[in-house]
Amino acid sequence: MNKKPKNFVLVHGAFVGSWAVQRLADQLTTRGHRVHAPTLTGLGERSHLAAYDVNLTTHVSDIVNEILWKDLLDDVVLVGMSYSGMVITGVAEEIGDRLASIVYVDACLPSDGQSFADLSGRQLTGKLTQPPDMAMFPFESEAERAWFTSKQTAQPTATFTQKLHVTGAYRRVPRKVWVKATAWRGPNDPLTDSLRGDPDWVVVDIACGHDVANLRPRELAKILDR
């Protein structure tokens, strides 16, 4: 018997657009699900909207409105990649009752009053922040690295420096999943270790680099479809 289709909302990471989750979206669509993958304001094909006043609140609103305006009710599987752990945590604060599951894919999970810059330990100034040197991240090939790098854009700095008010609403989402890319040492490793012992979380390892949605889209789709 076929499973009921799910509504997936995929939120890409920093410096990229919805193109960075297209392989994953294709896998989920093939499995019979409905997939929504908006590009955050100021990035990717919306990079012409990059402005000083684009901040984390803007990105949270992007996803909240995607869910509300498309009449997605209480069955949403919200998936955040990397930086967008900030975004999906903020979404849960506003419309957590719409979420059946929240999934952090090699992502960050802020405490109250933290920004992405706080979590990454970076001192950021100026209107825009340029992408990092991708040589520090594992890729399957140099061609894959070059392709990824060629499509990156600068990101409004305020999205990284604005602090998020967190009440812990994400903890009330019925299913919480933490996906860890194990082929590199990331800043979220200590948090991963602590979540492994938390019965409220499902922690899953994937043996690849940070860009899980591109490097292991089929494997990630299977995890999300559980």
C-alpha atoms as a PDB file:
ATOM      1  CA  MET A   1       0.000   0.000   0.000  1.00  0.00           C
ATOM      2  CA  ASN A   2       1.332   3.422  -0.950  1.00  0.00           C
ATOM      3  CA  LYS A   3       2.126   5.810   1.867  1.00  0.00           C
ATOM      4  CA  LYS A   4       0.314   9.116   2.105  1.00  0.00           C
ATOM      5  CA  PRO A   5       2.301  11.833   0.298  1.00  0.00           C
ATOM      6  CA  LYS A   6       4.053  14.277   2.593  1.00  0.00           C
ATOM      7  CA  ASN A   7       4.562  18.009   2.185  1.00  0.00           C
ATOM      8  CA  PHE A   8       8.288  18.697   2.291  1.00  0.00           C
ATOM      9  CA  VAL A   9       9.626  22.234   2.623  1.00  0.00           C
ATOM     10  CA  LEU A  10      13.354  22.279   1.863  1.00  0.00           C
ATOM     11  CA  VAL A  11      15.405  25.256   3.014  1.00  0.00           C
ATOM     12  CA  HIS A  12      18.821  25.580   1.407  1.00  0.00           C
ATOM     13  CA  GLY A  13      21.950  26.738   3.198  1.00  0.00           C
ATOM     14  CA  ALA A  14      24.036  29.909   3.026  1.00  0.00           C
ATOM     15  CA  PHE A  15      25.343  31.494  -0.192  1.00  0.00           C
ATOM     16  CA  VAL A  16      23.221  29.253  -2.436  1.00  0.00           C
ATOM     17  CA  GLY A  17      19.654  29.011  -3.735  1.00  0.00           C
ATOM     18  CA  SER A  18      17.032  26.360  -4.318  1.00  0.00           C
ATOM     19  CA  TRP A  19      19.323  24.880  -6.981  1.00  0.00           C
ATOM     20  CA  ALA A  20      21.357  23.434  -4.103  1.00  0.00           C
ATOM     21  CA  VAL A  21      18.493  21.163  -3.019  1.00  0.00           C
ATOM     22  CA  GLN A  22      17.158  20.276  -6.481  1.00  0.00           C
ATOM     23  CA  ARG A  23      18.672  16.789  -6.503  1.00  0.00           C
ATOM     24  CA  LEU A  24      17.041  16.049  -3.171  1.00  0.00           C
ATOM     25  CA  ALA A  25      13.738  17.537  -4.341  1.00  0.00           C
ATOM     26  CA  ASP A  26      13.808  15.293  -7.412  1.00  0.00           C
ATOM     27  CA  GLN A  27      14.357  12.221  -5.244  1.00  0.00           C
ATOM     28  CA  LEU A  28      11.457  13.102  -2.947  1.00  0.00           C
ATOM     29  CA  THR A  29       9.171  13.848  -5.894  1.00  0.00           C
ATOM     30  CA  THR A  30      10.035  10.472  -7.409  1.00  0.00           C
ATOM     31  CA  ARG A  31       8.965   8.907  -4.121  1.00  0.00           C
ATOM     32  CA  GLY A  32       5.537  10.500  -4.523  1.00  0.00           C
ATOM     33  CA  HIS A  33       5.825  13.496  -2.215  1.00  0.00           C
ATOM     34  CA  ARG A  34       5.035  17.179  -2.692  1.00  0.00           C
ATOM     35  CA  VAL A  35       8.134  19.339  -2.456  1.00  0.00           C
ATOM     36  CA  HIS A  36       8.439  23.079  -1.906  1.00  0.00           C
ATOM     37  CA  ALA A  37      11.927  24.572  -2.160  1.00  0.00           C
ATOM     38  CA  PRO A  38      11.850  28.383  -2.164  1.00  0.00           C
ATOM     39  CA  THR A  39      14.986  30.454  -2.583  1.00  0.00           C
ATOM     40  CA  LEU A  40      15.654  32.762   0.351  1.00  0.00           C
ATOM     41  CA  THR A  41      15.593  36.515  -0.293  1.00  0.00           C
ATOM     42  CA  GLY A  42      18.862  37.919  -1.632  1.00  0.00           C
ATOM     43  CA  LEU A  43      20.313  34.592  -2.770  1.00  0.00           C
ATOM     44  CA  GLY A  44      20.474  32.522  -5.956  1.00  0.00           C
ATOM     45  CA  GLU A  45      18.010  33.727  -8.583  1.00  0.00           C
ATOM     46  CA  ARG A  46      16.823  36.288  -6.005  1.00  0.00           C
ATOM     47  CA  SER A  47      20.291  37.774  -5.457  1.00  0.00           C
ATOM     48  CA  HIS A  48      19.097  41.007  -7.076  1.00  0.00           C
ATOM     49  CA  LEU A  49      17.051  41.534  -3.897  1.00  0.00           C
ATOM     50  CA  ALA A  50      20.090  41.530  -1.616  1.00  0.00           C
ATOM     51  CA  ALA A  51      19.883  44.634   0.549  1.00  0.00           C
ATOM     52  CA  TYR A  52      21.179  45.878   3.881  1.00  0.00           C
ATOM     53  CA  ASP A  53      17.821  45.308   5.564  1.00  0.00           C
ATOM     54  CA  VAL A  54      17.546  41.647   4.527  1.00  0.00           C
ATOM     55  CA  ASN A  55      18.110  39.762   7.762  1.00  0.00           C
ATOM     56  CA  LEU A  56      17.297  36.497   9.513  1.00  0.00           C
ATOM     57  CA  THR A  57      13.725  37.642  10.106  1.00  0.00           C
ATOM     58  CA  THR A  58      13.360  38.059   6.334  1.00  0.00           C
ATOM     59  CA  HIS A  59      14.443  34.474   5.742  1.00  0.00           C
ATOM     60  CA  VAL A  60      12.156  33.131   8.457  1.00  0.00           C
ATOM     61  CA  SER A  61       9.281  35.065   6.863  1.00  0.00           C
ATOM     62  CA  ASP A  62      10.156  33.599   3.454  1.00  0.00           C
ATOM     63  CA  ILE A  63       9.473  30.112   4.775  1.00  0.00           C
ATOM     64  CA  VAL A  64       6.541  30.984   7.034  1.00  0.00           C
ATOM     65  CA  ASN A  65       4.799  32.595   4.059  1.00  0.00           C
ATOM     66  CA  GLU A  66       5.633  29.649   1.802  1.00  0.00           C
ATOM     67  CA  ILE A  67       3.788  27.389   4.231  1.00  0.00           C
ATOM     68  CA  LEU A  68       0.873  29.741   4.926  1.00  0.00           C
ATOM     69  CA  TRP A  69       0.178  30.952   1.393  1.00  0.00           C
ATOM     70  CA  LYS A  70       0.314  27.455  -0.038  1.00  0.00           C
ATOM     71  CA  ASP A  71      -2.147  26.252   2.600  1.00  0.00           C
ATOM     72  CA  LEU A  72       0.141  23.599   4.023  1.00  0.00           C
ATOM     73  CA  LEU A  73      -1.605  22.505   7.188  1.00  0.00           C
ATOM     74  CA  ASP A  74      -0.271  20.274   9.955  1.00  0.00           C
ATOM     75  CA  ASP A  75       1.717  17.711   7.966  1.00  0.00           C
ATOM     76  CA  VAL A  76       4.779  19.714   6.949  1.00  0.00           C
ATOM     77  CA  VAL A  77       8.227  18.138   7.058  1.00  0.00           C
ATOM     78  CA  LEU A  78      10.521  21.151   7.403  1.00  0.00           C
ATOM     79  CA  VAL A  79      14.121  20.482   6.385  1.00  0.00           C
ATOM     80  CA  GLY A  80      16.978  22.945   6.930  1.00  0.00           C
ATOM     81  CA  MET A  81      20.508  22.670   5.566  1.00  0.00           C
ATOM     82  CA  SER A  82      23.487  24.145   7.420  1.00  0.00           C
ATOM     83  CA  TYR A  83      22.819  27.888   8.057  1.00  0.00           C
ATOM     84  CA  SER A  84      19.101  27.273   7.679  1.00  0.00           C
ATOM     85  CA  GLY A  85      19.008  25.525  11.010  1.00  0.00           C
ATOM     86  CA  MET A  86      18.603  29.141  12.154  1.00  0.00           C
ATOM     87  CA  VAL A  87      15.719  29.656   9.748  1.00  0.00           C
ATOM     88  CA  ILE A  88      13.731  26.524  10.542  1.00  0.00           C
ATOM     89  CA  THR A  89      14.130  27.117  14.273  1.00  0.00           C
ATOM     90  CA  GLY A  90      12.613  30.560  13.727  1.00  0.00           C
ATOM     91  CA  VAL A  91       9.793  29.078  11.649  1.00  0.00           C
ATOM     92  CA  ALA A  92       8.965  26.650  14.461  1.00  0.00           C
ATOM     93  CA  GLU A  93       8.680  29.634  16.809  1.00  0.00           C
ATOM     94  CA  GLU A  94       5.962  31.148  14.619  1.00  0.00           C
ATOM     95  CA  ILE A  95       4.014  28.223  13.167  1.00  0.00           C
ATOM     96  CA  GLY A  96       5.240  25.112  14.944  1.00  0.00           C
ATOM     97  CA  ASP A  97       1.693  23.724  14.941  1.00  0.00           C
ATOM     98  CA  ARG A  98       1.978  23.263  11.166  1.00  0.00           C
ATOM     99  CA  LEU A  99       4.992  20.986  11.465  1.00  0.00           C
ATOM    100  CA  ALA A 100       4.850  17.204  11.680  1.00  0.00           C
ATOM    101  CA  SER A 101       8.621  16.925  11.605  1.00  0.00           C
ATOM    102  CA  ILE A 102      11.653  19.196  11.683  1.00  0.00           C
ATOM    103  CA  VAL A 103      14.947  18.002  10.210  1.00  0.00           C
ATOM    104  CA  TYR A 104      18.362  19.612  10.689  1.00  0.00           C
ATOM    105  CA  VAL A 105      20.786  18.474   7.972  1.00  0.00           C
ATOM    106  CA  ASP A 106      24.357  19.097   9.161  1.00  0.00           C
ATOM    107  CA  ALA A 107      22.885  22.297  10.499  1.00  0.00           C
ATOM    108  CA  CYS A 108      23.085  24.672  13.429  1.00  0.00           C
ATOM    109  CA  LEU A 109      20.646  24.790  16.321  1.00  0.00           C
ATOM    110  CA  PRO A 110      20.712  28.128  18.151  1.00  0.00           C
ATOM    111  CA  SER A 111      19.955  28.812  21.769  1.00  0.00           C
ATOM    112  CA  ASP A 112      18.011  31.915  22.717  1.00  0.00           C
ATOM    113  CA  GLY A 113      19.835  35.103  21.740  1.00  0.00           C
ATOM    114  CA  GLN A 114      22.366  33.476  19.423  1.00  0.00           C
ATOM    115  CA  SER A 115      23.157  34.375  15.829  1.00  0.00           C
ATOM    116  CA  PHE A 116      24.784  32.276  13.137  1.00  0.00           C
ATOM    117  CA  ALA A 117      27.890  34.422  13.540  1.00  0.00           C
ATOM    118  CA  ASP A 118      27.941  33.530  17.234  1.00  0.00           C
ATOM    119  CA  LEU A 119      27.755  29.826  16.445  1.00  0.00           C
ATOM    120  CA  SER A 120      30.396  29.950  13.720  1.00  0.00           C
ATOM    121  CA  GLY A 121      32.751  32.237  15.631  1.00  0.00           C
ATOM    122  CA  ARG A 122      33.048  34.666  12.719  1.00  0.00           C
ATOM    123  CA  GLN A 123      33.316  38.445  12.988  1.00  0.00           C
ATOM    124  CA  LEU A 124      31.255  39.803  10.108  1.00  0.00           C
ATOM    125  CA  THR A 125      30.896  43.399   8.915  1.00  0.00           C
ATOM    126  CA  GLY A 126      29.645  45.159   5.813  1.00  0.00           C
ATOM    127  CA  LYS A 127      26.459  44.795   3.801  1.00  0.00           C
ATOM    128  CA  LEU A 128      27.338  41.487   2.148  1.00  0.00           C
ATOM    129  CA  THR A 129      29.386  38.470   3.199  1.00  0.00           C
ATOM    130  CA  GLN A 130      31.270  36.581   0.508  1.00  0.00           C
ATOM    131  CA  PRO A 131      31.186  32.765   0.312  1.00  0.00           C
ATOM    132  CA  PRO A 132      34.003  30.914   2.104  1.00  0.00           C
ATOM    133  CA  ASP A 133      36.819  29.100   0.356  1.00  0.00           C
ATOM    134  CA  MET A 134      35.228  25.801  -0.622  1.00  0.00           C
ATOM    135  CA  ALA A 135      38.595  24.039  -0.424  1.00  0.00           C
ATOM    136  CA  MET A 136      37.816  23.408   3.250  1.00  0.00           C
ATOM    137  CA  PHE A 137      34.773  21.260   2.404  1.00  0.00           C
ATOM    138  CA  PRO A 138      34.892  17.676   1.074  1.00  0.00           C
ATOM    139  CA  PHE A 139      33.423  17.115  -2.407  1.00  0.00           C
ATOM    140  CA  GLU A 140      33.178  14.002  -4.557  1.00  0.00           C
ATOM    141  CA  SER A 141      35.332  15.567  -7.281  1.00  0.00           C
ATOM    142  CA  GLU A 142      36.984  18.824  -8.257  1.00  0.00           C
ATOM    143  CA  ALA A 143      34.371  19.195 -10.988  1.00  0.00           C
ATOM    144  CA  GLU A 144      31.631  19.042  -8.349  1.00  0.00           C
ATOM    145  CA  ARG A 145      33.451  21.620  -6.240  1.00  0.00           C
ATOM    146  CA  ALA A 146      33.857  23.937  -9.245  1.00  0.00           C
ATOM    147  CA  TRP A 147      30.175  23.602 -10.164  1.00  0.00           C
ATOM    148  CA  PHE A 148      29.061  24.393  -6.628  1.00  0.00           C
ATOM    149  CA  THR A 149      31.428  27.353  -6.282  1.00  0.00           C
ATOM    150  CA  SER A 150      30.347  28.847  -9.619  1.00  0.00           C
ATOM    151  CA  LYS A 151      26.741  29.149  -8.467  1.00  0.00           C
ATOM    152  CA  GLN A 152      27.322  30.722  -5.066  1.00  0.00           C
ATOM    153  CA  THR A 153      26.402  34.327  -4.321  1.00  0.00           C
ATOM    154  CA  ALA A 154      27.225  36.760  -1.538  1.00  0.00           C
ATOM    155  CA  GLN A 155      24.714  36.855   1.326  1.00  0.00           C
ATOM    156  CA  PRO A 156      23.344  39.823   3.289  1.00  0.00           C
ATOM    157  CA  THR A 157      25.419  39.988   6.463  1.00  0.00           C
ATOM    158  CA  ALA A 158      22.451  40.753   8.706  1.00  0.00           C
ATOM    159  CA  THR A 159      21.133  37.243   8.089  1.00  0.00           C
ATOM    160  CA  PHE A 160      24.213  36.002   9.938  1.00  0.00           C
ATOM    161  CA  THR A 161      24.429  38.622  12.678  1.00  0.00           C
ATOM    162  CA  GLN A 162      20.794  38.985  13.757  1.00  0.00           C
ATOM    163  CA  LYS A 163      20.144  37.063  16.955  1.00  0.00           C
ATOM    164  CA  LEU A 164      17.186  34.707  17.194  1.00  0.00           C
ATOM    165  CA  HIS A 165      14.687  34.642  20.040  1.00  0.00           C
ATOM    166  CA  VAL A 166      14.180  30.965  20.878  1.00  0.00           C
ATOM    167  CA  THR A 167      11.559  29.787  23.363  1.00  0.00           C
ATOM    168  CA  GLY A 168      12.105  26.130  22.530  1.00  0.00           C
ATOM    169  CA  ALA A 169       9.022  25.784  20.316  1.00  0.00           C
ATOM    170  CA  TYR A 170      10.937  23.424  18.015  1.00  0.00           C
ATOM    171  CA  ARG A 171      11.007  20.904  20.874  1.00  0.00           C
ATOM    172  CA  ARG A 172       7.221  20.579  20.622  1.00  0.00           C
ATOM    173  CA  VAL A 173       7.378  19.431  16.994  1.00  0.00           C
ATOM    174  CA  PRO A 174       6.361  15.746  17.096  1.00  0.00           C
ATOM    175  CA  ARG A 175       9.405  14.380  15.251  1.00  0.00           C
ATOM    176  CA  LYS A 176      12.876  15.888  15.415  1.00  0.00           C
ATOM    177  CA  VAL A 177      15.693  14.543  13.247  1.00  0.00           C
ATOM    178  CA  TRP A 178      19.379  15.462  13.238  1.00  0.00           C
ATOM    179  CA  VAL A 179      21.410  14.369  10.197  1.00  0.00           C
ATOM    180  CA  LYS A 180      25.178  14.517  10.634  1.00  0.00           C
ATOM    181  CA  ALA A 181      27.682  14.461   7.769  1.00  0.00           C
ATOM    182  CA  THR A 182      30.579  12.456   9.179  1.00  0.00           C
ATOM    183  CA  ALA A 183      33.255  12.999   6.518  1.00  0.00           C
ATOM    184  CA  TRP A 184      34.338  16.296   8.045  1.00  0.00           C
ATOM    185  CA  ARG A 185      34.707  17.885  11.456  1.00  0.00           C
ATOM    186  CA  GLY A 186      32.086  20.592  11.759  1.00  0.00           C
ATOM    187  CA  PRO A 187      31.260  23.132  14.467  1.00  0.00           C
ATOM    188  CA  ASN A 188      28.097  21.206  15.337  1.00  0.00           C
ATOM    189  CA  ASP A 189      29.980  18.056  16.407  1.00  0.00           C
ATOM    190  CA  PRO A 190      29.617  18.678  20.184  1.00  0.00           C
ATOM    191  CA  LEU A 191      25.879  19.259  19.785  1.00  0.00           C
ATOM    192  CA  THR A 192      25.583  16.082  17.721  1.00  0.00           C
ATOM    193  CA  ASP A 193      27.192  14.109  20.519  1.00  0.00           C
ATOM    194  CA  SER A 194      24.739  15.483  23.075  1.00  0.00           C
ATOM    195  CA  LEU A 195      21.695  14.785  20.895  1.00  0.00           C
ATOM    196  CA  ARG A 196      22.686  11.142  20.458  1.00  0.00           C
ATOM    197  CA  GLY A 197      21.689  10.577  24.053  1.00  0.00           C
ATOM    198  CA  ASP A 198      18.434  12.534  23.841  1.00  0.00           C
ATOM    199  CA  PRO A 199      15.372  10.273  23.389  1.00  0.00           C
ATOM    200  CA  ASP A 200      13.433  13.133  21.787  1.00  0.00           C
ATOM    201  CA  TRP A 201      15.771  13.152  18.777  1.00  0.00           C
ATOM    202  CA  VAL A 202      16.526  10.757  15.948  1.00  0.00           C
ATOM    203  CA  VAL A 203      20.200  11.151  15.008  1.00  0.00           C
ATOM    204  CA  VAL A 204      21.356   9.726  11.674  1.00  0.00           C
ATOM    205  CA  ASP A 205      24.898   9.703  10.264  1.00  0.00           C
ATOM    206  CA  ILE A 206      25.713  10.031   6.565  1.00  0.00           C
ATOM    207  CA  ALA A 207      29.279   9.365   5.428  1.00  0.00           C
ATOM    208  CA  CYS A 208      29.834  12.401   3.220  1.00  0.00           C
ATOM    209  CA  GLY A 209      30.857  16.035   3.320  1.00  0.00           C
ATOM    210  CA  HIS A 210      28.811  19.012   4.444  1.00  0.00           C
ATOM    211  CA  ASP A 211      26.701  19.395   1.286  1.00  0.00           C
ATOM    212  CA  VAL A 212      24.549  16.352   2.013  1.00  0.00           C
ATOM    213  CA  ALA A 213      21.655  17.302  -0.291  1.00  0.00           C
ATOM    214  CA  ASN A 214      23.953  17.231  -3.328  1.00  0.00           C
ATOM    215  CA  LEU A 215      26.400  14.533  -2.293  1.00  0.00           C
ATOM    216  CA  ARG A 216      23.870  11.964  -1.029  1.00  0.00           C
ATOM    217  CA  PRO A 217      20.414  13.017  -2.279  1.00  0.00           C
ATOM    218  CA  ARG A 218      19.042   9.484  -2.594  1.00  0.00           C
ATOM    219  CA  GLU A 219      20.234   8.423   0.840  1.00  0.00           C
ATOM    220  CA  LEU A 220      18.942  11.623   2.417  1.00  0.00           C
ATOM    221  CA  ALA A 221      15.559  11.200   0.710  1.00  0.00           C
ATOM    222  CA  LYS A 222      15.249   7.731   2.235  1.00  0.00           C
ATOM    223  CA  ILE A 223      15.970   9.150   5.688  1.00  0.00           C
ATOM    224  CA  LEU A 224      13.391  11.906   5.229  1.00  0.00           C
ATOM    225  CA  ASP A 225      10.809   9.415   3.990  1.00  0.00           C
ATOM    226  CA  ARG A 226      10.870   7.309   7.157  1.00  0.00           C
END
